PDB file of all heavy atoms in Angstrom:
ATOM      1  N   MET A   1       0.869  -1.190   0.001  1.00  0.00           N
ATOM      2  CA  MET A   1       0.001  -0.024  -0.010  1.00  0.00           C
ATOM      3  C   MET A   1       0.883   1.226  -0.021  1.00  0.00           C
ATOM      4  O   MET A   1       1.656   1.468   0.965  1.00  0.00           O
ATOM      5  CB  MET A   1      -0.933  -0.009   1.210  1.00  0.00           C
ATOM      6  CG  MET A   1      -1.799  -1.224   1.306  1.00  0.00           C
ATOM      7  SD  MET A   1      -2.958  -1.182   2.693  1.00  0.00           S
ATOM      8  CE  MET A   1      -1.816  -1.243   4.080  1.00  0.00           C
ATOM      9  N   ASN A   2       0.785   2.024  -1.077  1.00  0.00           N
ATOM     10  CA  ASN A   2       1.548   3.247  -1.187  1.00  0.00           C
ATOM     11  C   ASN A   2       0.632   4.459  -1.213  1.00  0.00           C
ATOM     12  O   ASN A   2      -0.546   4.312  -1.534  1.00  0.00           O
ATOM     13  CB  ASN A   2       2.435   3.199  -2.461  1.00  0.00           C
ATOM     14  CG  ASN A   2       3.402   2.087  -2.494  1.00  0.00           C
ATOM     15  OD1 ASN A   2       3.998   1.718  -1.468  1.00  0.00           O
ATOM     16  ND2 ASN A   2       3.684   1.553  -3.690  1.00  0.00           N
ATOM     17  N   ASN A   3       1.194   5.597  -0.973  1.00  0.00           N
ATOM     18  CA  ASN A   3       0.446   6.839  -0.972  1.00  0.00           C
ATOM     19  C   ASN A   3      -0.831   6.742  -0.180  1.00  0.00           C
ATOM     20  O   ASN A   3      -1.921   7.110  -0.673  1.00  0.00           O
ATOM     21  CB  ASN A   3       0.166   7.278  -2.420  1.00  0.00           C
ATOM     22  CG  ASN A   3      -0.325   8.713  -2.551  1.00  0.00           C
ATOM     23  OD1 ASN A   3      -0.011   9.534  -1.692  1.00  0.00           O
ATOM     24  ND2 ASN A   3      -1.118   8.991  -3.588  1.00  0.00           N
ATOM     25  N   LEU A   4      -0.717   6.278   1.007  1.00  0.00           N
ATOM     26  CA  LEU A   4      -1.877   6.103   1.855  1.00  0.00           C
ATOM     27  C   LEU A   4      -2.525   7.440   2.231  1.00  0.00           C
ATOM     28  O   LEU A   4      -1.821   8.418   2.434  1.00  0.00           O
ATOM     29  CB  LEU A   4      -1.503   5.251   3.097  1.00  0.00           C
ATOM     30  CG  LEU A   4      -1.190   3.795   2.846  1.00  0.00           C
ATOM     31  CD1 LEU A   4      -0.432   3.227   4.008  1.00  0.00           C
ATOM     32  CD2 LEU A   4      -2.530   3.051   2.705  1.00  0.00           C
ATOM     33  N   ASN A   5      -3.874   7.394   2.443  1.00  0.00           N
ATOM     34  CA  ASN A   5      -4.577   8.546   2.898  1.00  0.00           C
ATOM     35  C   ASN A   5      -5.459   8.104   4.038  1.00  0.00           C
ATOM     36  O   ASN A   5      -5.690   6.937   4.287  1.00  0.00           O
ATOM     37  CB  ASN A   5      -5.349   9.225   1.774  1.00  0.00           C
ATOM     38  CG  ASN A   5      -6.366   8.270   1.118  1.00  0.00           C
ATOM     39  OD1 ASN A   5      -7.332   7.868   1.768  1.00  0.00           O
ATOM     40  ND2 ASN A   5      -6.169   7.975  -0.201  1.00  0.00           N
ATOM     41  N   PRO A   6      -6.004   9.103   4.788  1.00  0.00           N
ATOM     42  CA  PRO A   6      -6.798   8.709   5.974  1.00  0.00           C
ATOM     43  C   PRO A   6      -8.027   7.840   5.596  1.00  0.00           C
ATOM     44  O   PRO A   6      -8.500   7.082   6.483  1.00  0.00           O
ATOM     45  CB  PRO A   6      -7.204  10.072   6.486  1.00  0.00           C
ATOM     46  CG  PRO A   6      -6.108  11.018   6.165  1.00  0.00           C
ATOM     47  CD  PRO A   6      -5.717  10.542   4.798  1.00  0.00           C
ATOM     48  N   GLU A   7      -8.527   7.934   4.399  1.00  0.00           N
ATOM     49  CA  GLU A   7      -9.639   7.127   3.990  1.00  0.00           C
ATOM     50  C   GLU A   7      -9.337   5.609   3.894  1.00  0.00           C
ATOM     51  O   GLU A   7     -10.197   4.781   3.800  1.00  0.00           O
ATOM     52  CB  GLU A   7     -10.240   7.646   2.678  1.00  0.00           C
ATOM     53  CG  GLU A   7     -10.973   8.958   2.753  1.00  0.00           C
ATOM     54  CD  GLU A   7     -10.095  10.131   3.093  1.00  0.00           C
ATOM     55  OE1 GLU A   7      -8.963  10.198   2.502  1.00  0.00           O
ATOM     56  OE2 GLU A   7     -10.459  10.963   3.990  1.00  0.00           O
ATOM     57  N   ASP A   8      -8.023   5.330   3.923  1.00  0.00           N
ATOM     58  CA  ASP A   8      -7.618   3.946   3.891  1.00  0.00           C
ATOM     59  C   ASP A   8      -7.612   3.347   5.259  1.00  0.00           C
ATOM     60  O   ASP A   8      -7.358   2.134   5.410  1.00  0.00           O
ATOM     61  CB  ASP A   8      -6.216   3.852   3.288  1.00  0.00           C
ATOM     62  CG  ASP A   8      -6.147   4.243   1.850  1.00  0.00           C
ATOM     63  OD1 ASP A   8      -7.040   3.820   1.040  1.00  0.00           O
ATOM     64  OD2 ASP A   8      -5.200   4.992   1.445  1.00  0.00           O
ATOM     65  N   THR A   9      -7.850   4.129   6.304  1.00  0.00           N
ATOM     66  CA  THR A   9      -7.895   3.609   7.636  1.00  0.00           C
ATOM     67  C   THR A   9      -9.020   2.609   7.819  1.00  0.00           C
ATOM     68  O   THR A   9     -10.150   2.851   7.553  1.00  0.00           O
ATOM     69  CB  THR A   9      -8.073   4.747   8.660  1.00  0.00           C
ATOM     70  OG1 THR A   9      -6.917   5.584   8.610  1.00  0.00           O
ATOM     71  CG2 THR A   9      -8.200   4.197  10.095  1.00  0.00           C
ATOM     72  N   ALA A  10      -8.620   1.408   8.262  1.00  0.00           N
ATOM     73  CA  ALA A  10      -9.579   0.316   8.410  1.00  0.00           C
ATOM     74  C   ALA A  10      -8.888  -0.905   8.978  1.00  0.00           C
ATOM     75  O   ALA A  10      -7.684  -0.922   9.135  1.00  0.00           O
ATOM     76  CB  ALA A  10     -10.183  -0.035   7.042  1.00  0.00           C
ATOM     77  N   VAL A  11      -9.714  -1.888   9.375  1.00  0.00           N
ATOM     78  CA  VAL A  11      -9.129  -3.199   9.656  1.00  0.00           C
ATOM     79  C   VAL A  11      -9.062  -3.977   8.325  1.00  0.00           C
ATOM     80  O   VAL A  11     -10.081  -4.051   7.612  1.00  0.00           O
ATOM     81  CB  VAL A  11     -10.000  -3.987  10.660  1.00  0.00           C
ATOM     82  CG1 VAL A  11      -9.440  -5.368  10.896  1.00  0.00           C
ATOM     83  CG2 VAL A  11     -10.024  -3.233  11.986  1.00  0.00           C
ATOM     84  N   TYR A  12      -7.894  -4.477   8.009  1.00  0.00           N
ATOM     85  CA  TYR A  12      -7.697  -5.188   6.788  1.00  0.00           C
ATOM     86  C   TYR A  12      -7.679  -6.686   7.019  1.00  0.00           C
ATOM     87  O   TYR A  12      -7.042  -7.146   7.968  1.00  0.00           O
ATOM     88  CB  TYR A  12      -6.372  -4.762   6.111  1.00  0.00           C
ATOM     89  CG  TYR A  12      -6.430  -3.418   5.402  1.00  0.00           C
ATOM     90  CD1 TYR A  12      -6.601  -2.253   6.157  1.00  0.00           C
ATOM     91  CD2 TYR A  12      -6.441  -3.325   4.052  1.00  0.00           C
ATOM     92  CE1 TYR A  12      -6.742  -1.027   5.530  1.00  0.00           C
ATOM     93  CE2 TYR A  12      -6.538  -2.108   3.439  1.00  0.00           C
ATOM     94  CZ  TYR A  12      -6.676  -0.948   4.182  1.00  0.00           C
ATOM     95  OH  TYR A  12      -6.746   0.238   3.560  1.00  0.00           O
ATOM     96  N   TYR A  13      -8.384  -7.439   6.185  1.00  0.00           N
ATOM     97  CA  TYR A  13      -8.498  -8.914   6.314  1.00  0.00           C
ATOM     98  C   TYR A  13      -8.028  -9.536   5.062  1.00  0.00           C
ATOM     99  O   TYR A  13      -8.382  -9.054   3.928  1.00  0.00           O
ATOM    100  CB  TYR A  13      -9.952  -9.332   6.535  1.00  0.00           C
ATOM    101  CG  TYR A  13     -10.601  -8.737   7.808  1.00  0.00           C
ATOM    102  CD1 TYR A  13     -11.266  -7.544   7.732  1.00  0.00           C
ATOM    103  CD2 TYR A  13     -10.558  -9.456   8.980  1.00  0.00           C
ATOM    104  CE1 TYR A  13     -11.851  -7.003   8.867  1.00  0.00           C
ATOM    105  CE2 TYR A  13     -11.154  -8.963  10.118  1.00  0.00           C
ATOM    106  CZ  TYR A  13     -11.838  -7.771  10.081  1.00  0.00           C
ATOM    107  OH  TYR A  13     -12.424  -7.236  11.157  1.00  0.00           O
ATOM    108  N   CYS A  14      -7.312 -10.660   5.166  1.00  0.00           N
ATOM    109  CA  CYS A  14      -7.094 -11.503   4.004  1.00  0.00           C
ATOM    110  C   CYS A  14      -8.115 -12.592   4.074  1.00  0.00           C
ATOM    111  O   CYS A  14      -8.567 -12.965   5.153  1.00  0.00           O
ATOM    112  CB  CYS A  14      -5.667 -12.058   3.920  1.00  0.00           C
ATOM    113  SG  CYS A  14      -5.154 -13.034   5.301  1.00  0.00           S
ATOM    114  N   ALA A  15      -8.458 -13.112   2.914  1.00  0.00           N
ATOM    115  CA  ALA A  15      -9.523 -14.192   2.853  1.00  0.00           C
ATOM    116  C   ALA A  15      -9.188 -15.083   1.682  1.00  0.00           C
ATOM    117  O   ALA A  15      -8.624 -14.667   0.660  1.00  0.00           O
ATOM    118  CB  ALA A  15     -10.867 -13.540   2.709  1.00  0.00           C
ATOM    119  N   ALA A  16      -9.567 -16.363   1.843  1.00  0.00           N
ATOM    120  CA  ALA A  16      -9.294 -17.367   0.798  1.00  0.00           C
ATOM    121  C   ALA A  16     -10.586 -17.948   0.307  1.00  0.00           C
ATOM    122  O   ALA A  16     -11.457 -18.364   1.124  1.00  0.00           O
ATOM    123  CB  ALA A  16      -8.395 -18.458   1.385  1.00  0.00           C
ATOM    124  N   SER A  17     -10.717 -18.038  -1.003  1.00  0.00           N
ATOM    125  CA  SER A  17     -11.849 -18.651  -1.623  1.00  0.00           C
ATOM    126  C   SER A  17     -11.395 -19.938  -2.313  1.00  0.00           C
ATOM    127  O   SER A  17     -10.365 -19.935  -2.982  1.00  0.00           O
ATOM    128  CB  SER A  17     -12.527 -17.790  -2.669  1.00  0.00           C
ATOM    129  OG  SER A  17     -13.554 -18.444  -3.329  1.00  0.00           O
ATOM    130  N   GLN A  18     -12.134 -21.001  -2.109  1.00  0.00           N
ATOM    131  CA  GLN A  18     -11.875 -22.288  -2.744  1.00  0.00           C
ATOM    132  C   GLN A  18     -12.738 -22.514  -3.985  1.00  0.00           C
ATOM    133  O   GLN A  18     -12.709 -23.621  -4.517  1.00  0.00           O
ATOM    134  CB  GLN A  18     -12.049 -23.408  -1.720  1.00  0.00           C
ATOM    135  CG  GLN A  18     -11.112 -23.340  -0.507  1.00  0.00           C
ATOM    136  CD  GLN A  18     -11.419 -24.448   0.475  1.00  0.00           C
ATOM    137  OE1 GLN A  18     -12.524 -24.599   0.931  1.00  0.00           O
ATOM    138  NE2 GLN A  18     -10.353 -25.089   0.947  1.00  0.00           N
ATOM    139  N   ILE A  19     -13.454 -21.514  -4.420  1.00  0.00           N
ATOM    140  CA  ILE A  19     -14.289 -21.635  -5.540  1.00  0.00           C
ATOM    141  C   ILE A  19     -13.470 -21.520  -6.819  1.00  0.00           C
ATOM    142  O   ILE A  19     -13.025 -20.406  -7.140  1.00  0.00           O
ATOM    143  CB  ILE A  19     -15.452 -20.606  -5.543  1.00  0.00           C
ATOM    144  CG1 ILE A  19     -16.294 -20.813  -4.265  1.00  0.00           C
ATOM    145  CG2 ILE A  19     -16.321 -20.775  -6.773  1.00  0.00           C
ATOM    146  CD1 ILE A  19     -17.390 -19.697  -4.123  1.00  0.00           C
ATOM    147  N   TRP A  20     -13.230 -22.606  -7.477  1.00  0.00           N
ATOM    148  CA  TRP A  20     -12.380 -22.595  -8.612  1.00  0.00           C
ATOM    149  C   TRP A  20     -13.061 -21.843  -9.767  1.00  0.00           C
ATOM    150  O   TRP A  20     -14.231 -22.073 -10.085  1.00  0.00           O
ATOM    151  CB  TRP A  20     -12.055 -24.044  -9.115  1.00  0.00           C
ATOM    152  CG  TRP A  20     -10.858 -24.072  -9.977  1.00  0.00           C
ATOM    153  CD1 TRP A  20     -10.864 -24.235 -11.364  1.00  0.00           C
ATOM    154  CD2 TRP A  20      -9.479 -23.961  -9.600  1.00  0.00           C
ATOM    155  NE1 TRP A  20      -9.575 -24.221 -11.805  1.00  0.00           N
ATOM    156  CE2 TRP A  20      -8.736 -24.082 -10.737  1.00  0.00           C
ATOM    157  CE3 TRP A  20      -8.871 -23.767  -8.396  1.00  0.00           C
ATOM    158  CZ2 TRP A  20      -7.305 -23.985 -10.741  1.00  0.00           C
ATOM    159  CZ3 TRP A  20      -7.463 -23.715  -8.349  1.00  0.00           C
ATOM    160  CH2 TRP A  20      -6.717 -23.793  -9.496  1.00  0.00           C
ATOM    161  N   GLY A  21     -12.340 -20.887 -10.334  1.00  0.00           N
ATOM    162  CA  GLY A  21     -12.902 -20.077 -11.411  1.00  0.00           C
ATOM    163  C   GLY A  21     -13.821 -18.986 -10.924  1.00  0.00           C
ATOM    164  O   GLY A  21     -14.590 -18.447 -11.721  1.00  0.00           O
ATOM    165  N   LEU A  22     -13.751 -18.604  -9.648  1.00  0.00           N
ATOM    166  CA  LEU A  22     -14.571 -17.575  -9.090  1.00  0.00           C
ATOM    167  C   LEU A  22     -14.493 -16.290  -9.952  1.00  0.00           C
ATOM    168  O   LEU A  22     -13.379 -15.826 -10.249  1.00  0.00           O
ATOM    169  CB  LEU A  22     -14.137 -17.294  -7.683  1.00  0.00           C
ATOM    170  CG  LEU A  22     -14.860 -16.157  -6.902  1.00  0.00           C
ATOM    171  CD1 LEU A  22     -16.327 -16.555  -6.649  1.00  0.00           C
ATOM    172  CD2 LEU A  22     -14.121 -15.825  -5.636  1.00  0.00           C
ATOM    173  N   ARG A  23     -15.593 -15.713 -10.277  1.00  0.00           N
ATOM    174  CA  ARG A  23     -15.707 -14.534 -11.093  1.00  0.00           C
ATOM    175  C   ARG A  23     -16.014 -13.251 -10.282  1.00  0.00           C
ATOM    176  O   ARG A  23     -15.499 -12.168 -10.583  1.00  0.00           O
ATOM    177  CB  ARG A  23     -16.685 -14.694 -12.228  1.00  0.00           C
ATOM    178  CG  ARG A  23     -16.359 -15.845 -13.167  1.00  0.00           C
ATOM    179  CD  ARG A  23     -17.417 -15.968 -14.271  1.00  0.00           C
ATOM    180  NE  ARG A  23     -17.223 -17.164 -15.051  1.00  0.00           N
ATOM    181  CZ  ARG A  23     -16.359 -17.224 -16.093  1.00  0.00           C
ATOM    182  NH1 ARG A  23     -15.673 -16.187 -16.499  1.00  0.00           N
ATOM    183  NH2 ARG A  23     -16.298 -18.388 -16.745  1.00  0.00           N
ATOM    184  N   THR A  24     -16.825 -13.413  -9.256  1.00  0.00           N
ATOM    185  CA  THR A  24     -17.261 -12.264  -8.450  1.00  0.00           C
ATOM    186  C   THR A  24     -16.375 -12.204  -7.214  1.00  0.00           C
ATOM    187  O   THR A  24     -16.788 -12.563  -6.080  1.00  0.00           O
ATOM    188  CB  THR A  24     -18.723 -12.382  -8.062  1.00  0.00           C
ATOM    189  OG1 THR A  24     -19.004 -13.624  -7.460  1.00  0.00           O
ATOM    190  CG2 THR A  24     -19.622 -12.215  -9.309  1.00  0.00           C
ATOM    191  N   TRP A  25     -15.206 -11.688  -7.418  1.00  0.00           N
ATOM    192  CA  TRP A  25     -14.170 -11.679  -6.334  1.00  0.00           C
ATOM    193  C   TRP A  25     -14.554 -10.824  -5.177  1.00  0.00           C
ATOM    194  O   TRP A  25     -14.147 -11.074  -4.065  1.00  0.00           O
ATOM    195  CB  TRP A  25     -12.810 -11.198  -6.887  1.00  0.00           C
ATOM    196  CG  TRP A  25     -12.155 -12.094  -7.829  1.00  0.00           C
ATOM    197  CD1 TRP A  25     -12.730 -13.119  -8.573  1.00  0.00           C
ATOM    198  CD2 TRP A  25     -10.781 -12.108  -8.182  1.00  0.00           C
ATOM    199  NE1 TRP A  25     -11.753 -13.766  -9.318  1.00  0.00           N
ATOM    200  CE2 TRP A  25     -10.543 -13.137  -9.112  1.00  0.00           C
ATOM    201  CE3 TRP A  25      -9.707 -11.296  -7.806  1.00  0.00           C
ATOM    202  CZ2 TRP A  25      -9.307 -13.364  -9.668  1.00  0.00           C
ATOM    203  CZ3 TRP A  25      -8.422 -11.587  -8.348  1.00  0.00           C
ATOM    204  CH2 TRP A  25      -8.226 -12.635  -9.280  1.00  0.00           C
ATOM    205  N   GLY A  26     -15.386  -9.833  -5.401  1.00  0.00           N
ATOM    206  CA  GLY A  26     -15.713  -8.833  -4.368  1.00  0.00           C
ATOM    207  C   GLY A  26     -16.784  -9.242  -3.391  1.00  0.00           C
ATOM    208  O   GLY A  26     -17.060  -8.502  -2.484  1.00  0.00           O
ATOM    209  N   ASP A  27     -17.384 -10.419  -3.569  1.00  0.00           N
ATOM    210  CA  ASP A  27     -18.429 -10.849  -2.651  1.00  0.00           C
ATOM    211  C   ASP A  27     -17.800 -11.595  -1.497  1.00  0.00           C
ATOM    212  O   ASP A  27     -17.324 -12.721  -1.650  1.00  0.00           O
ATOM    213  CB  ASP A  27     -19.380 -11.789  -3.437  1.00  0.00           C
ATOM    214  CG  ASP A  27     -20.619 -12.161  -2.641  1.00  0.00           C
ATOM    215  OD1 ASP A  27     -20.657 -11.920  -1.444  1.00  0.00           O
ATOM    216  OD2 ASP A  27     -21.555 -12.637  -3.232  1.00  0.00           O
ATOM    217  N   PRO A  28     -17.822 -11.040  -0.268  1.00  0.00           N
ATOM    218  CA  PRO A  28     -17.205 -11.722   0.847  1.00  0.00           C
ATOM    219  C   PRO A  28     -17.886 -13.026   1.215  1.00  0.00           C
ATOM    220  O   PRO A  28     -17.225 -13.868   1.864  1.00  0.00           O
ATOM    221  CB  PRO A  28     -17.319 -10.687   2.014  1.00  0.00           C
ATOM    222  CG  PRO A  28     -18.475  -9.832   1.569  1.00  0.00           C
ATOM    223  CD  PRO A  28     -18.435  -9.707   0.053  1.00  0.00           C
ATOM    224  N   ARG A  29     -19.152 -13.226   0.829  1.00  0.00           N
ATOM    225  CA  ARG A  29     -19.799 -14.472   1.067  1.00  0.00           C
ATOM    226  C   ARG A  29     -19.196 -15.668   0.372  1.00  0.00           C
ATOM    227  O   ARG A  29     -19.525 -16.800   0.739  1.00  0.00           O
ATOM    228  CB  ARG A  29     -21.325 -14.392   0.699  1.00  0.00           C
ATOM    229  CG  ARG A  29     -22.056 -13.313   1.467  1.00  0.00           C
ATOM    230  CD  ARG A  29     -23.475 -13.124   0.862  1.00  0.00           C
ATOM    231  NE  ARG A  29     -23.402 -12.671  -0.501  1.00  0.00           N
ATOM    232  CZ  ARG A  29     -24.468 -12.545  -1.274  1.00  0.00           C
ATOM    233  NH1 ARG A  29     -25.703 -12.747  -0.791  1.00  0.00           N
ATOM    234  NH2 ARG A  29     -24.329 -12.141  -2.558  1.00  0.00           N
ATOM    235  N   LEU A  30     -18.402 -15.421  -0.603  1.00  0.00           N
ATOM    236  CA  LEU A  30     -17.779 -16.486  -1.407  1.00  0.00           C
ATOM    237  C   LEU A  30     -16.394 -16.882  -0.930  1.00  0.00           C
ATOM    238  O   LEU A  30     -15.765 -17.624  -1.642  1.00  0.00           O
ATOM    239  CB  LEU A  30     -17.788 -16.073  -2.870  1.00  0.00           C
ATOM    240  CG  LEU A  30     -19.142 -15.755  -3.479  1.00  0.00           C
ATOM    241  CD1 LEU A  30     -19.058 -15.375  -4.935  1.00  0.00           C
ATOM    242  CD2 LEU A  30     -20.105 -16.904  -3.315  1.00  0.00           C
ATOM    243  N   TYR A  31     -15.977 -16.319   0.179  1.00  0.00           N
ATOM    244  CA  TYR A  31     -14.731 -16.741   0.750  1.00  0.00           C
ATOM    245  C   TYR A  31     -14.874 -17.624   1.960  1.00  0.00           C
ATOM    246  O   TYR A  31     -15.781 -17.445   2.805  1.00  0.00           O
ATOM    247  CB  TYR A  31     -13.954 -15.473   1.180  1.00  0.00           C
ATOM    248  CG  TYR A  31     -13.427 -14.675  -0.047  1.00  0.00           C
ATOM    249  CD1 TYR A  31     -14.305 -13.859  -0.792  1.00  0.00           C
ATOM    250  CD2 TYR A  31     -12.106 -14.777  -0.467  1.00  0.00           C
ATOM    251  CE1 TYR A  31     -13.863 -13.217  -1.885  1.00  0.00           C
ATOM    252  CE2 TYR A  31     -11.692 -14.113  -1.563  1.00  0.00           C
ATOM    253  CZ  TYR A  31     -12.546 -13.311  -2.284  1.00  0.00           C
ATOM    254  OH  TYR A  31     -12.114 -12.655  -3.421  1.00  0.00           O
ATOM    255  N   ASP A  32     -14.065 -18.674   2.033  1.00  0.00           N
ATOM    256  CA  ASP A  32     -14.181 -19.746   2.966  1.00  0.00           C
ATOM    257  C   ASP A  32     -13.458 -19.521   4.254  1.00  0.00           C
ATOM    258  O   ASP A  32     -13.862 -20.001   5.314  1.00  0.00           O
ATOM    259  CB  ASP A  32     -13.748 -21.049   2.307  1.00  0.00           C
ATOM    260  CG  ASP A  32     -14.471 -21.388   1.033  1.00  0.00           C
ATOM    261  OD1 ASP A  32     -15.686 -21.801   1.089  1.00  0.00           O
ATOM    262  OD2 ASP A  32     -13.878 -21.194  -0.051  1.00  0.00           O
TER     263      ASP A  32
END
């Protein structure tokens, strides 16, 4: 993360999806 601004303030999470070929990456419900 470069050129950070105050709007980037948050708790950051990594998540793993096991759905092979997943297209809708932004849906947190699809992460295991």
